[in-house]
N, C-alpha and C. Protein backbone atom coordinates (compact mmCIF):
# COMPACT_ATOMS: atom_id res chain seq x y z
N SER A 1 -19.47 -0.77 9.31
CA SER A 1 -19.99 0.29 8.68
C SER A 1 -20.26 -0.20 7.39
N TYR A 2 -19.11 -1.05 6.57
CA TYR A 2 -18.84 -1.55 5.38
C TYR A 2 -20.09 -2.37 5.32
N VAL A 3 -20.54 -3.26 6.88
CA VAL A 3 -21.84 -4.21 6.67
C VAL A 3 -22.98 -3.38 6.55
N PHE A 4 -23.37 -2.32 7.51
CA PHE A 4 -24.50 -1.60 7.41
C PHE A 4 -24.78 -0.92 6.26
N LEU A 5 -23.87 -0.07 5.54
CA LEU A 5 -24.11 0.86 4.16
C LEU A 5 -24.13 -0.71 2.86
N MET A 6 -24.28 -1.89 3.40
CA MET A 6 -24.15 -2.63 2.28
C MET A 6 -23.27 -2.35 1.10
N GLY A 7 -22.22 -2.84 1.56
CA GLY A 7 -20.83 -2.15 1.12
C GLY A 7 -21.09 -1.27 -0.21
N LYS A 8 -21.76 0.16 0.52
CA LYS A 8 -22.03 1.41 -0.79
C LYS A 8 -21.13 2.30 0.19
N CYS A 9 -20.78 3.41 -0.62
CA CYS A 9 -20.10 4.74 0.10
C CYS A 9 -21.43 5.53 0.64
N ARG A 10 -20.72 5.77 1.86
CA ARG A 10 -22.03 6.75 2.24
C ARG A 10 -22.13 7.06 1.83
N TYR A 11 -21.42 8.55 0.38
CA TYR A 11 -22.18 9.76 0.20
C TYR A 11 -22.32 9.29 -1.41
N CYS A 12 -21.59 8.84 -1.91
CA CYS A 12 -21.69 9.15 -3.20
C CYS A 12 -22.62 7.57 -3.41
N LYS A 13 -22.86 6.76 -2.66
CA LYS A 13 -23.32 5.48 -2.35
C LYS A 13 -22.92 4.24 -3.86
N LYS A 14 -21.71 4.63 -4.20
CA LYS A 14 -21.30 3.91 -5.12
C LYS A 14 -20.39 2.49 -4.31
N LYS A 15 -20.58 1.20 -4.71
CA LYS A 15 -19.94 0.00 -4.47
C LYS A 15 -18.39 0.55 -4.02
N VAL A 16 -18.01 -0.27 -2.76
CA VAL A 16 -16.92 -0.34 -2.42
C VAL A 16 -16.26 -1.67 -2.05
N SER A 17 -15.17 -1.50 -2.82
CA SER A 17 -14.35 -2.74 -2.65
C SER A 17 -14.76 -3.37 -1.32
N ILE A 18 -14.63 -5.34 -0.97
CA ILE A 18 -14.32 -5.28 0.50
C ILE A 18 -12.51 -5.30 0.97
N GLU A 19 -12.21 -5.23 0.02
CA GLU A 19 -10.32 -4.66 0.16
C GLU A 19 -10.50 -3.65 1.10
N HIS A 20 -11.40 -3.02 0.90
CA HIS A 20 -11.10 -1.78 1.90
C HIS A 20 -11.00 -1.86 3.31
N PRO A 21 -12.20 -1.95 3.47
CA PRO A 21 -12.53 -2.49 5.40
C PRO A 21 -11.55 -3.54 5.75
N ILE A 22 -11.33 -4.69 4.91
CA ILE A 22 -10.14 -5.70 5.00
C ILE A 22 -8.79 -4.75 5.05
N ILE A 23 -8.60 -4.47 4.66
CA ILE A 23 -7.42 -3.47 4.78
C ILE A 23 -7.11 -2.43 5.73
N GLU A 24 -8.18 -2.08 6.06
CA GLU A 24 -8.67 -0.46 7.37
C GLU A 24 -8.21 -1.91 8.63
N ILE A 25 -8.98 -3.02 8.71
CA ILE A 25 -8.83 -3.60 9.88
C ILE A 25 -7.11 -4.36 10.06
N LEU A 26 -6.96 -4.31 8.91
CA LEU A 26 -5.29 -5.48 9.09
C LEU A 26 -4.40 -4.12 9.62
N THR A 27 -4.87 -2.71 9.00
CA THR A 27 -3.77 -1.88 9.88
C THR A 27 -4.20 -1.49 11.07
N GLY A 28 -5.03 -1.72 11.11
CA GLY A 28 -5.19 -1.44 12.43
C GLY A 28 -4.90 -2.31 14.07
N LEU A 29 -4.96 -3.43 13.09
CA LEU A 29 -4.31 -4.87 14.03
C LEU A 29 -2.94 -4.60 14.49
N LEU A 30 -2.36 -3.97 12.86
CA LEU A 30 -0.68 -3.74 12.66
C LEU A 30 -0.50 -3.02 13.86
N PHE A 31 -1.21 -1.70 13.91
CA PHE A 31 -0.85 -0.43 14.71
C PHE A 31 -0.46 -1.09 16.03
N PHE A 32 -1.90 -2.24 16.54
CA PHE A 32 -2.15 -2.67 17.99
C PHE A 32 -0.89 -3.15 18.19
N SER A 33 -0.65 -4.19 17.38
CA SER A 33 0.44 -5.11 17.89
C SER A 33 1.94 -4.58 17.76
N PHE A 34 1.95 -3.14 17.23
CA PHE A 34 3.52 -2.43 17.27
C PHE A 34 3.16 -1.70 18.41
N TYR A 35 2.59 -1.25 19.13
CA TYR A 35 2.17 -0.02 19.97
C TYR A 35 2.57 -1.02 21.51
N PHE A 36 3.60 -0.06 22.11
CA PHE A 36 3.71 -0.06 23.16
C PHE A 36 4.24 0.87 24.36
N PRO A 37 3.92 1.05 25.55
CA PRO A 37 4.14 2.27 26.82
C PRO A 37 5.35 2.78 26.35
N VAL A 38 4.89 4.10 26.19
CA VAL A 38 6.47 4.87 26.30
C VAL A 38 6.27 5.73 27.38
N THR A 39 7.82 5.34 27.78
CA THR A 39 8.04 5.69 29.04
C THR A 39 9.79 6.90 28.67
N SER A 40 10.10 6.74 27.73
CA SER A 40 10.99 8.02 27.51
C SER A 40 11.21 8.02 25.89
N PHE A 41 12.59 8.92 26.20
CA PHE A 41 12.36 9.79 24.31
C PHE A 41 12.50 8.82 23.43
N PHE A 42 13.63 7.26 24.27
CA PHE A 42 13.96 6.56 23.05
C PHE A 42 12.78 5.42 22.86
N ASP A 43 12.07 5.42 23.86
CA ASP A 43 11.06 4.68 23.14
C ASP A 43 9.99 5.58 22.36
N ALA A 44 9.97 7.19 22.37
CA ALA A 44 8.97 7.57 21.65
C ALA A 44 9.44 7.83 20.31
N VAL A 45 10.46 7.55 20.24
CA VAL A 45 11.47 7.58 18.89
C VAL A 45 11.15 6.32 18.06
N THR A 46 11.48 4.94 18.77
CA THR A 46 10.94 3.78 18.93
C THR A 46 9.59 3.09 18.34
N LEU A 47 8.41 3.62 18.75
CA LEU A 47 7.26 3.64 18.61
C LEU A 47 6.68 4.06 17.45
N LEU A 48 7.39 5.83 17.39
CA LEU A 48 7.06 6.54 15.75
C LEU A 48 7.84 5.65 14.43
N TYR A 49 9.07 5.21 15.11
CA TYR A 49 9.86 4.62 13.91
C TYR A 49 8.95 3.48 13.23
N LEU A 50 8.90 2.90 13.81
CA LEU A 50 7.56 1.35 13.97
C LEU A 50 6.53 1.64 13.08
N LEU A 51 5.64 2.94 13.67
CA LEU A 51 4.18 2.71 12.94
C LEU A 51 4.51 3.39 11.26
N VAL A 52 5.62 4.53 11.51
CA VAL A 52 6.25 4.85 9.90
C VAL A 52 5.83 3.67 8.98
N VAL A 53 7.29 2.87 10.32
CA VAL A 53 7.56 1.42 8.73
C VAL A 53 6.29 0.50 8.55
N VAL A 54 4.99 0.57 9.72
CA VAL A 54 4.14 -0.55 9.28
C VAL A 54 3.50 0.31 8.15
N SER A 55 2.86 1.80 8.25
CA SER A 55 2.48 2.65 7.22
C SER A 55 2.61 2.39 5.63
N LEU A 56 4.25 2.63 5.73
CA LEU A 56 4.73 2.24 4.33
C LEU A 56 4.72 0.79 3.58
N LEU A 57 5.18 0.37 4.99
CA LEU A 57 5.17 -1.38 4.74
C LEU A 57 3.43 -2.08 3.81
N ILE A 58 2.68 -1.51 4.22
CA ILE A 58 1.36 -1.51 3.71
C ILE A 58 0.93 -0.87 2.87
N PHE A 59 1.69 -0.23 2.54
CA PHE A 59 1.23 0.78 1.10
C PHE A 59 2.11 -0.06 -0.14
N ILE A 60 3.44 -0.73 0.39
CA ILE A 60 4.09 -1.56 -0.33
C ILE A 60 3.68 -3.23 -0.84
N PHE A 61 3.34 -3.58 -0.12
CA PHE A 61 2.26 -4.44 -0.21
C PHE A 61 0.77 -4.69 -0.92
N ILE A 62 0.19 -3.74 -1.02
CA ILE A 62 -1.19 -3.35 -1.62
C ILE A 62 -0.44 -2.85 -3.14
N TYR A 63 0.67 -2.16 -2.73
CA TYR A 63 0.88 -1.38 -4.98
C TYR A 63 1.45 -2.75 -5.18
N ASP A 64 2.77 -3.76 -4.35
CA ASP A 64 3.12 -4.52 -5.30
C ASP A 64 2.34 -5.60 -5.86
N LEU A 65 0.89 -5.79 -4.94
CA LEU A 65 0.21 -6.59 -5.26
C LEU A 65 -0.87 -6.12 -6.64
N ARG A 66 -0.89 -4.74 -6.61
CA ARG A 66 -1.67 -4.66 -7.38
C ARG A 66 -1.31 -4.30 -9.06
N HIS A 67 0.03 -3.94 -8.77
CA HIS A 67 1.26 -2.95 -9.97
C HIS A 67 2.34 -4.28 -10.23
N TYR A 68 2.49 -5.11 -9.53
CA TYR A 68 4.13 -5.53 -9.32
C TYR A 68 5.20 -5.18 -9.95
N ILE A 69 5.00 -4.32 -8.89
CA ILE A 69 6.02 -3.33 -9.05
C ILE A 69 6.15 -2.49 -7.43
N ILE A 70 7.45 -2.44 -6.37
CA ILE A 70 7.41 -2.02 -5.33
C ILE A 70 8.60 -0.56 -5.74
N PRO A 71 7.72 0.66 -5.60
CA PRO A 71 7.69 2.06 -5.63
C PRO A 71 9.13 2.45 -5.06
N ASN A 72 10.02 3.54 -5.62
CA ASN A 72 10.98 3.71 -5.51
C ASN A 72 10.85 4.60 -4.60
N ILE A 73 10.41 5.75 -4.66
CA ILE A 73 9.80 6.96 -4.19
C ILE A 73 9.04 6.47 -2.15
N ILE A 74 9.08 5.12 -2.10
CA ILE A 74 8.17 4.44 -0.83
C ILE A 74 9.89 3.74 -0.28
N ILE A 75 10.48 2.57 -1.07
CA ILE A 75 11.28 2.00 -0.52
C ILE A 75 12.62 2.89 -0.49
N TYR A 76 12.87 3.73 -1.01
CA TYR A 76 14.41 4.36 -0.33
C TYR A 76 13.75 5.10 0.95
N PRO A 77 13.18 5.98 1.11
CA PRO A 77 12.74 6.08 2.10
C PRO A 77 12.54 5.43 3.49
N LEU A 78 12.54 4.29 3.42
CA LEU A 78 12.59 3.59 4.21
C LEU A 78 13.85 2.86 4.70
N ILE A 79 14.28 2.49 3.13
CA ILE A 79 16.05 2.03 3.73
C ILE A 79 17.06 3.48 4.29
N ILE A 80 16.56 4.81 4.16
CA ILE A 80 16.97 5.45 4.76
C ILE A 80 16.98 5.81 6.54
N ILE A 81 15.31 5.84 6.45
CA ILE A 81 15.18 5.84 7.87
C ILE A 81 15.36 4.62 9.25
N SER A 82 15.64 3.67 8.62
CA SER A 82 15.78 2.32 8.86
C SER A 82 17.74 2.68 8.92
N PHE A 83 17.92 2.99 8.30
CA PHE A 83 19.62 2.88 8.36
C PHE A 83 20.01 4.56 10.07
N LEU A 84 19.04 5.32 9.20
CA LEU A 84 18.84 6.56 10.32
C LEU A 84 19.06 6.22 11.65
N TYR A 85 17.60 5.06 11.82
CA TYR A 85 16.80 4.36 13.58
C TYR A 85 18.43 4.29 13.63
N THR A 86 18.87 3.06 13.29
CA THR A 86 19.75 2.29 13.86
C THR A 86 20.96 3.12 14.47
N ILE A 87 21.50 3.82 13.29
CA ILE A 87 22.38 4.65 14.20
C ILE A 87 22.02 5.33 15.80
N PHE A 88 20.82 5.37 15.13
CA PHE A 88 20.19 6.54 17.02
C PHE A 88 19.78 5.14 18.23
N GLN A 89 19.46 4.22 17.56
CA GLN A 89 19.52 3.27 18.14
C GLN A 89 21.00 2.85 19.00
N SER A 90 21.87 2.74 18.02
CA SER A 90 23.47 2.25 18.66
C SER A 90 23.98 3.37 19.96
N TYR A 91 23.52 4.74 19.49
CA TYR A 91 23.95 5.44 20.39
C TYR A 91 23.65 5.24 21.14
N PHE A 92 22.23 5.45 21.75
CA PHE A 92 21.50 5.98 22.70
C PHE A 92 21.72 4.89 23.87
N LEU A 93 21.81 3.04 23.15
CA LEU A 93 22.12 2.26 23.37
C LEU A 93 23.45 1.63 23.97
N SER A 94 24.11 2.50 23.44
CA SER A 94 25.55 2.56 23.32
C SER A 94 26.57 1.24 23.18
N ASP A 95 25.79 0.17 22.11
CA ASP A 95 26.07 -0.76 21.88
C ASP A 95 26.23 -0.67 20.46
N PHE A 96 26.99 -0.27 19.34
CA PHE A 96 27.65 -0.06 18.44
C PHE A 96 27.66 -1.52 17.18
N SER A 97 27.45 -2.63 17.94
CA SER A 97 27.43 -3.88 17.51
C SER A 97 25.65 -3.96 16.50
N ILE A 98 24.61 -3.19 17.31
CA ILE A 98 23.27 -3.14 16.82
C ILE A 98 23.19 -2.59 15.19
N PHE A 99 24.41 -1.20 14.66
CA PHE A 99 24.53 -0.99 13.77
C PHE A 99 25.33 -1.68 12.90
N PHE A 100 26.55 -2.41 12.92
CA PHE A 100 27.45 -3.46 12.59
C PHE A 100 26.50 -4.57 11.90
N TYR A 101 25.80 -5.16 12.94
CA TYR A 101 24.87 -6.22 12.09
C TYR A 101 23.66 -5.88 11.61
N SER A 102 23.52 -5.04 11.21
CA SER A 102 22.47 -4.63 10.78
C SER A 102 22.66 -4.31 9.34
N LEU A 103 23.86 -3.99 9.44
CA LEU A 103 24.11 -3.09 8.30
C LEU A 103 25.37 -4.20 7.35
N LEU A 104 24.97 -5.57 8.20
CA LEU A 104 26.18 -6.75 7.56
C LEU A 104 24.65 -7.09 6.58
N SER A 105 23.99 -7.25 7.66
CA SER A 105 22.48 -7.90 7.30
C SER A 105 21.75 -7.68 5.94
N ALA A 106 21.82 -6.06 5.70
CA ALA A 106 21.74 -5.31 4.70
C ALA A 106 22.19 -6.07 3.40
N LEU A 107 23.22 -5.71 3.74
CA LEU A 107 24.48 -5.94 2.71
C LEU A 107 24.18 -7.65 2.61
N GLY A 108 24.52 -8.44 3.22
CA GLY A 108 24.53 -10.14 3.06
C GLY A 108 23.09 -10.07 2.12
N ALA A 109 21.77 -9.73 2.99
CA ALA A 109 20.61 -10.02 1.91
C ALA A 109 20.69 -9.36 0.28
N PHE A 110 20.93 -8.20 0.29
CA PHE A 110 21.65 -7.24 -0.76
C PHE A 110 21.77 -8.49 -2.36
N LEU A 111 23.15 -8.91 -1.56
CA LEU A 111 23.90 -9.30 -1.73
C LEU A 111 23.46 -10.85 -2.87
N PHE A 112 22.63 -11.46 -1.82
CA PHE A 112 21.84 -12.68 -2.37
C PHE A 112 20.85 -12.37 -3.31
N PHE A 113 20.14 -11.62 -3.25
CA PHE A 113 19.21 -11.35 -3.42
C PHE A 113 19.00 -10.72 -5.09
N PHE A 114 20.61 -9.71 -5.46
CA PHE A 114 21.06 -9.21 -6.36
C PHE A 114 21.81 -10.59 -7.57
N SER A 115 22.39 -11.37 -6.11
CA SER A 115 22.52 -12.73 -7.40
C SER A 115 21.65 -13.26 -8.13
N ILE A 116 20.10 -13.54 -7.74
CA ILE A 116 19.47 -14.40 -7.90
C ILE A 116 18.74 -13.40 -9.52
N PHE A 117 19.10 -12.00 -8.98
CA PHE A 117 18.45 -10.99 -10.18
C PHE A 117 19.07 -11.16 -11.44
N PHE A 118 21.18 -11.39 -10.76
CA PHE A 118 21.74 -11.00 -12.03
C PHE A 118 21.21 -12.51 -13.23
N ILE A 119 21.77 -13.39 -12.16
CA ILE A 119 21.67 -15.23 -13.03
C ILE A 119 20.63 -15.04 -13.72
N SER A 120 19.07 -14.75 -13.51
CA SER A 120 18.00 -14.67 -14.45
C SER A 120 17.54 -13.56 -14.98
N LYS A 121 18.38 -12.80 -15.08
CA LYS A 121 18.26 -11.26 -15.38
C LYS A 121 16.88 -11.18 -15.49
N GLY A 122 16.69 -10.80 -14.13
CA GLY A 122 15.30 -10.52 -13.48
C GLY A 122 14.04 -11.07 -14.11
N LYS A 123 14.28 -12.22 -14.41
CA LYS A 123 13.54 -13.25 -14.51
C LYS A 123 12.65 -13.99 -13.07
N TRP A 124 13.42 -14.00 -12.43
CA TRP A 124 13.15 -14.62 -11.65
C TRP A 124 12.38 -14.26 -10.04
N MET A 125 13.49 -12.96 -10.70
CA MET A 125 12.77 -11.30 -9.59
C MET A 125 13.42 -10.41 -9.62
N GLY A 126 12.26 -9.24 -9.32
CA GLY A 126 12.28 -7.80 -9.44
C GLY A 126 13.54 -7.24 -8.82
N PHE A 127 14.08 -6.10 -9.51
CA PHE A 127 15.18 -5.64 -8.83
C PHE A 127 14.54 -4.34 -7.46
N GLY A 128 13.30 -4.04 -7.46
CA GLY A 128 12.70 -3.85 -6.39
C GLY A 128 12.82 -4.63 -4.91
N ASP A 129 12.83 -5.59 -5.37
CA ASP A 129 12.76 -6.92 -4.08
C ASP A 129 14.28 -6.98 -3.81
N VAL A 130 15.12 -6.61 -4.65
CA VAL A 130 16.48 -6.51 -4.27
C VAL A 130 16.53 -5.38 -2.88
N ARG A 131 15.60 -4.52 -3.92
CA ARG A 131 16.36 -2.79 -2.97
C ARG A 131 15.41 -3.59 -1.16
N TYR A 132 14.48 -3.74 -1.35
CA TYR A 132 13.65 -4.00 0.08
C TYR A 132 14.20 -4.47 0.86
N VAL A 133 14.82 -5.92 0.33
CA VAL A 133 15.53 -6.38 1.31
C VAL A 133 16.82 -5.75 2.31
N VAL A 134 17.68 -4.71 1.58
CA VAL A 134 18.10 -3.33 1.99
C VAL A 134 17.58 -3.11 2.66
N PHE A 135 16.24 -2.91 3.18
CA PHE A 135 15.76 -2.18 4.09
C PHE A 135 14.80 -3.24 5.41
N MET A 136 15.07 -4.48 4.42
CA MET A 136 15.33 -5.66 5.67
C MET A 136 16.10 -6.18 6.86
N GLY A 137 17.23 -6.30 6.08
CA GLY A 137 18.35 -6.47 6.48
C GLY A 137 18.33 -5.58 7.71
N MET A 138 18.29 -3.90 7.46
CA MET A 138 18.25 -3.32 8.16
C MET A 138 17.28 -3.04 9.26
N PHE A 139 16.21 -3.22 9.07
CA PHE A 139 15.06 -3.16 10.12
C PHE A 139 15.37 -4.41 11.28
N LEU A 140 15.45 -5.68 10.55
CA LEU A 140 15.40 -7.02 11.55
C LEU A 140 16.95 -7.10 11.67
N GLY A 141 18.32 -7.05 11.53
CA GLY A 141 19.47 -7.34 11.86
C GLY A 141 19.40 -8.87 11.76
N PHE A 142 21.24 -8.68 12.52
CA PHE A 142 21.01 -10.71 12.47
C PHE A 142 20.69 -11.07 13.73
N PRO A 143 20.34 -12.34 14.21
CA PRO A 143 20.14 -13.35 12.80
C PRO A 143 18.74 -13.05 12.93
N ASN A 144 17.71 -12.58 13.20
CA ASN A 144 16.02 -12.51 12.34
C ASN A 144 16.36 -12.20 10.70
N ILE A 145 17.40 -11.34 10.22
CA ILE A 145 17.34 -11.48 9.01
C ILE A 145 17.00 -12.71 8.25
N ILE A 146 17.67 -13.75 8.98
CA ILE A 146 17.48 -15.02 8.08
C ILE A 146 16.02 -15.73 8.22
N ALA A 147 15.42 -15.43 9.62
CA ALA A 147 14.37 -15.92 9.80
C ALA A 147 13.19 -15.76 8.71
N GLY A 148 13.67 -13.85 8.44
CA GLY A 148 12.68 -13.42 7.86
C GLY A 148 12.69 -13.34 6.17
N LEU A 149 13.96 -14.41 5.78
CA LEU A 149 14.24 -14.07 4.64
C LEU A 149 13.68 -15.93 4.18
N PHE A 150 13.64 -16.74 5.31
CA PHE A 150 13.40 -18.05 4.91
C PHE A 150 11.72 -17.83 5.30
N LEU A 151 11.05 -17.25 5.81
CA LEU A 151 10.01 -17.05 5.95
C LEU A 151 8.71 -16.88 4.84
N SER A 152 9.29 -15.82 3.97
CA SER A 152 9.63 -15.73 2.91
C SER A 152 9.14 -16.26 1.23
N PHE A 153 10.46 -17.00 1.56
CA PHE A 153 10.40 -18.02 0.62
C PHE A 153 9.60 -18.75 0.77
N PHE A 154 9.48 -20.02 1.72
CA PHE A 154 8.08 -20.35 2.88
C PHE A 154 6.99 -20.58 2.43
N ILE A 155 6.20 -18.92 2.86
CA ILE A 155 5.30 -18.78 2.90
C ILE A 155 4.60 -18.70 1.14
N GLY A 156 5.99 -17.69 0.54
CA GLY A 156 5.55 -17.81 -1.39
C GLY A 156 5.41 -18.95 -1.73
N ALA A 157 6.00 -19.83 -1.54
CA ALA A 157 6.06 -21.07 -2.44
C ALA A 157 4.87 -21.61 -1.75
N ILE A 158 4.32 -21.77 -0.65
CA ILE A 158 2.81 -22.31 -0.25
C ILE A 158 2.16 -22.05 -0.83
N ILE A 159 1.70 -19.70 -0.85
CA ILE A 159 0.95 -19.65 -1.70
C ILE A 159 0.49 -19.99 -3.37
N GLY A 160 2.17 -20.22 -4.22
CA GLY A 160 2.18 -20.20 -5.50
C GLY A 160 1.66 -21.82 -5.75
N ILE A 161 2.21 -22.74 -4.78
CA ILE A 161 1.36 -24.14 -4.97
C ILE A 161 -0.25 -24.31 -4.58
N ILE A 162 -0.67 -23.33 -4.26
CA ILE A 162 -1.71 -22.90 -3.71
C ILE A 162 -2.87 -22.98 -5.11
N LEU A 163 -1.68 -21.71 -5.73
CA LEU A 163 -2.37 -20.91 -7.08
C LEU A 163 -2.82 -22.17 -8.01
N LEU A 164 -1.88 -22.63 -8.02
CA LEU A 164 -1.28 -23.44 -9.40
C LEU A 164 -2.25 -24.95 -8.67
N PHE A 165 -2.87 -25.36 -7.73
CA PHE A 165 -3.54 -26.08 -7.37
C PHE A 165 -4.64 -25.68 -8.03
N LEU A 166 -5.43 -24.29 -8.23
CA LEU A 166 -6.35 -23.90 -7.63
C LEU A 166 -7.00 -23.40 -9.55
N LYS A 167 -5.33 -23.54 -10.08
CA LYS A 167 -5.48 -23.29 -11.70
C LYS A 167 -5.59 -21.80 -11.69
N ARG A 168 -5.03 -21.47 -10.33
CA ARG A 168 -5.14 -19.38 -10.31
C ARG A 168 -4.48 -18.93 -11.16
N LYS A 169 -3.16 -19.20 -11.15
CA LYS A 169 -1.56 -18.95 -12.23
C LYS A 169 -1.09 -20.38 -12.66
N GLY A 170 -0.05 -20.55 -13.18
CA GLY A 170 -0.12 -21.53 -13.88
C GLY A 170 1.74 -20.61 -14.14
N LEU A 171 2.97 -22.45 -14.54
CA LEU A 171 4.10 -22.43 -14.40
C LEU A 171 5.04 -21.03 -14.22
N LYS A 172 4.19 -20.30 -15.43
CA LYS A 172 4.94 -19.08 -16.39
C LYS A 172 4.41 -18.18 -15.47
N SER A 173 3.58 -17.88 -14.75
CA SER A 173 2.70 -16.66 -14.32
C SER A 173 3.23 -16.30 -13.56
N GLU A 174 3.73 -14.76 -13.12
CA GLU A 174 4.36 -13.55 -12.53
C GLU A 174 3.66 -13.38 -10.86
N ILE A 175 4.10 -13.79 -10.02
CA ILE A 175 3.94 -13.68 -8.66
C ILE A 175 4.18 -12.50 -8.23
N PRO A 176 3.97 -11.44 -6.92
CA PRO A 176 4.58 -10.44 -6.74
C PRO A 176 5.11 -10.54 -5.82
N PHE A 177 6.65 -10.39 -5.19
CA PHE A 177 7.33 -11.52 -4.15
C PHE A 177 7.32 -10.42 -2.76
N GLY A 178 6.65 -9.19 -3.02
CA GLY A 178 7.36 -8.30 -2.32
C GLY A 178 6.13 -8.36 -1.29
N PRO A 179 5.04 -8.82 -1.03
CA PRO A 179 3.66 -9.16 -0.04
C PRO A 179 4.19 -10.47 0.68
N PHE A 180 5.00 -11.44 0.05
CA PHE A 180 5.99 -12.56 0.95
C PHE A 180 6.78 -11.90 1.92
N LEU A 181 8.01 -11.04 0.86
CA LEU A 181 8.93 -10.36 1.79
C LEU A 181 8.21 -9.45 2.97
N ILE A 182 7.11 -8.75 2.54
CA ILE A 182 6.51 -7.86 3.71
C ILE A 182 6.14 -8.91 5.14
N THR A 183 5.11 -10.00 4.58
CA THR A 183 5.14 -10.62 5.79
C THR A 183 6.22 -11.49 6.33
N GLY A 184 7.19 -11.78 5.91
CA GLY A 184 8.24 -12.77 6.33
C GLY A 184 8.51 -11.56 7.58
N THR A 185 8.83 -10.23 6.53
CA THR A 185 9.35 -8.93 7.80
C THR A 185 9.13 -9.31 9.03
N ILE A 186 7.73 -8.68 9.16
CA ILE A 186 6.61 -8.71 10.33
C ILE A 186 7.08 -10.18 11.19
N ILE A 187 6.50 -11.41 10.48
CA ILE A 187 6.92 -12.23 11.85
C ILE A 187 8.26 -12.27 12.12
N ALA A 188 9.05 -12.53 11.38
CA ALA A 188 10.24 -12.11 12.01
C ALA A 188 10.87 -10.85 13.00
N HIS A 189 10.12 -10.81 12.80
CA HIS A 189 10.59 -8.67 13.69
C HIS A 189 9.52 -9.44 15.36
N PHE A 190 8.98 -9.88 15.28
CA PHE A 190 8.13 -10.20 16.52
C PHE A 190 8.59 -12.10 16.80
N PHE A 191 9.15 -13.17 16.06
CA PHE A 191 9.00 -14.55 16.49
C PHE A 191 10.33 -14.77 16.14
N GLY A 192 11.30 -13.75 15.22
CA GLY A 192 12.42 -14.15 14.56
C GLY A 192 13.91 -15.55 15.39
N SER A 193 13.64 -14.52 16.69
CA SER A 193 14.65 -15.14 17.37
C SER A 193 13.91 -16.85 17.82
N ILE A 194 12.79 -16.52 18.40
CA ILE A 194 11.86 -17.69 18.52
C ILE A 194 11.87 -19.19 17.59
N ILE A 195 11.63 -18.50 16.31
CA ILE A 195 12.42 -19.24 15.01
C ILE A 195 13.44 -20.33 15.54
N ILE A 196 14.51 -19.03 15.24
CA ILE A 196 15.68 -19.64 15.16
C ILE A 196 16.22 -20.73 16.55
N SER A 197 16.42 -19.91 17.68
CA SER A 197 16.33 -20.95 18.58
C SER A 197 15.61 -22.01 18.52
N THR A 198 14.26 -21.88 18.11
CA THR A 198 13.83 -23.88 18.20
C THR A 198 14.23 -24.70 16.65
N TYR A 199 14.30 -23.90 15.97
CA TYR A 199 14.98 -24.76 14.74
C TYR A 199 16.75 -25.14 14.97
N LEU A 200 17.04 -24.48 15.53
CA LEU A 200 18.58 -24.90 16.25
C LEU A 200 18.23 -25.53 17.97
N SER A 201 17.71 -25.40 18.18
CA SER A 201 17.58 -26.76 19.60
C SER A 201 17.24 -28.27 18.68
N TYR A 202 16.89 -27.90 17.37
CA TYR A 202 16.24 -29.54 16.81
C TYR A 202 17.69 -29.97 16.22
N LEU A 203 18.26 -28.93 15.74
CA LEU A 203 20.03 -29.34 15.97
C LEU A 203 21.16 -29.93 16.46
N LEU A 204 20.94 -29.64 16.89
CA LEU A 204 21.91 -29.27 18.47
C LEU A 204 21.71 -30.58 19.35
């Protein structure tokens, strides 16, 4: 409809940014990617959890890209939801190692990012990113958190180099890290185990 309306609002006829249809398309694709057939109560809760997480991640992605901050009003509910779901998952599957490794991943990621924040006095990384990786650890668990963090830094470095090459950013320019963390989270959710096993196969 964006094309047919020549990039204008259907009702007020004001120009609409191309960003809006892109976000709508990506949201639909992500929802489709996370969808799976529901055959049990556990499946229903899991699907609802994943769709809520995706919705909030999309909001954080856009907000951090625009305002260079990850809002507490979104990240804290994400952490709580992930914490509660991990307990539910561990109880339902009778495997509390899931909760243990998720909690360990969240703690490890937090300590790693907090050390970067503390050493740089907030110049290299915002505290919103430190909060985010707590959710990231709970959501991905171990060892997927390792793949997620690696992908986040790798993608961030590549984009940073491209922006420097295009002279869109300077060496001292601020670049929001949240979108890279979210991208790493989503990729690691789907392909984390494959990435890690492939990497280990080259080492062994």
